[in-house]
Amino acid sequence: MTQAISKAQINKLHKPKTDGTQVWDVIVGLYNYPTLLVAHELKLFPLLAEKPRTLQEISQSLNLALRATGTLLSVCASMDFIQLKDEYYSLTTIAYEYLIETSPTSFCGYLDLMIANADSFSYAGVKKAILTDAPTVYEGDSLYEVHEQEEKDQVTRTFTKAMHCISIPPALAWPESLDLSSNRYMLDIAGGSGAHSIGATLKWPDLKATILDIGPVCEVAQEYIAEYGLLEQISTEISDMWNDPFPSADLHFYSLIYHNYDFEKNRFLTRKSFDSLEPGGRIIIHQWLFNDNRTGPLATAAFNVIMQIWCAGGQEYSGLELSTLLAEVGFIDIEVKPTFGYWSIVTGRKPE
């Protein structure tokens, strides 16, 4: 039997000062991402890329009940991936650019990777990563160490292609934010698919680039380099960034590398770049950034959870933290620049 509420408790009741929408947004947001993955796996977006369709046509094509189809479409429409006009659903521009496999900026490979690792972003997966302070997807100190194992070759290819999907859009943007006309040679350190070398050399055709990475990754990068017709401008080199010397260059580029490691390992890489760069050379760190007191933005804070799950010691950093690190080892003319969506660069120059 429910205990009666006392008069004193009733007197304390009052309308909340806030409406609770932030809490509700978190709760209902839990269902958006899995629904998008289901829509992707069911190939809803390629279906609508063929031609606009009605609810009944989509239901029949996907072999879903009308209610379930409506649920799927409502979420995708609310996220602006599809639109409804005269009872026909069609794709929006963002869906054509990011959710169709044939698009040069498609995220489909990354969505496939997330489906394959769905347990990692479950409640249990996040809780385990927080309580143990250890990655739940990859064991060991580094996901790159896992990728070096021969038996993990297919995992490496899948991961590299997934990273290419989310890297190529910002890779076509950040080179517009800097004048690289005086730079001759770029080292794309742990450069993965080479997306950023591709973006930089397309914008600055006099620039040459070398992607430094492990063997299986370099094989994937060579495929992308050939696909973009850049074999004369971009090369690959099998290298261990921790132990092998860096070749001579006047530009060092790191994208989504610093967030894989703790501060001390990043200090090591920053010092190594400073010592290796030619006088006047530039370093560029390409990341999502926290604000200076690490209280937001929400997207970066959520990305930080991903790093907690995937990488031992991995975390997102603020522009202030990375700028301070560059200054500590001797870089000057340090800048923090937003470039594209949630992406920013932190850049500095080695004195002449």
Foldseek 3Di string as FASTA:
>chain_A
DDDDDDPVNVVPDDDDPDDCVVVVCVVVVVPLLVLVLVCLVLVVQVVQVVDWDALVVSCVSSVHDSVVSVVSVVSCVVVQQWDDDPRTIHGDPVCVQARDPPHQLHLSLLSVVCVVVVVCPDPVNLVVLVVVLAADPDDDFAVQVVCLDPVCLVVLLSVLVNVLNNQQVLLLWPLVVDDCQVWAEEEEELVFLCSNVLNNCVVHVNHAYEYEGADSRQVNNVVVCVVSPNPVRYYYDYDDLQPDQDPEGQEYEYEPPQQQAAPVVVLSSLLSCLVRYDAFGKYKYKYQAAAPVNPDDPVQVVVQSVSSHHHNHGGHYHLVSVQVSNVVSAFPPWDWAAIDDRMIMIMTTHHD
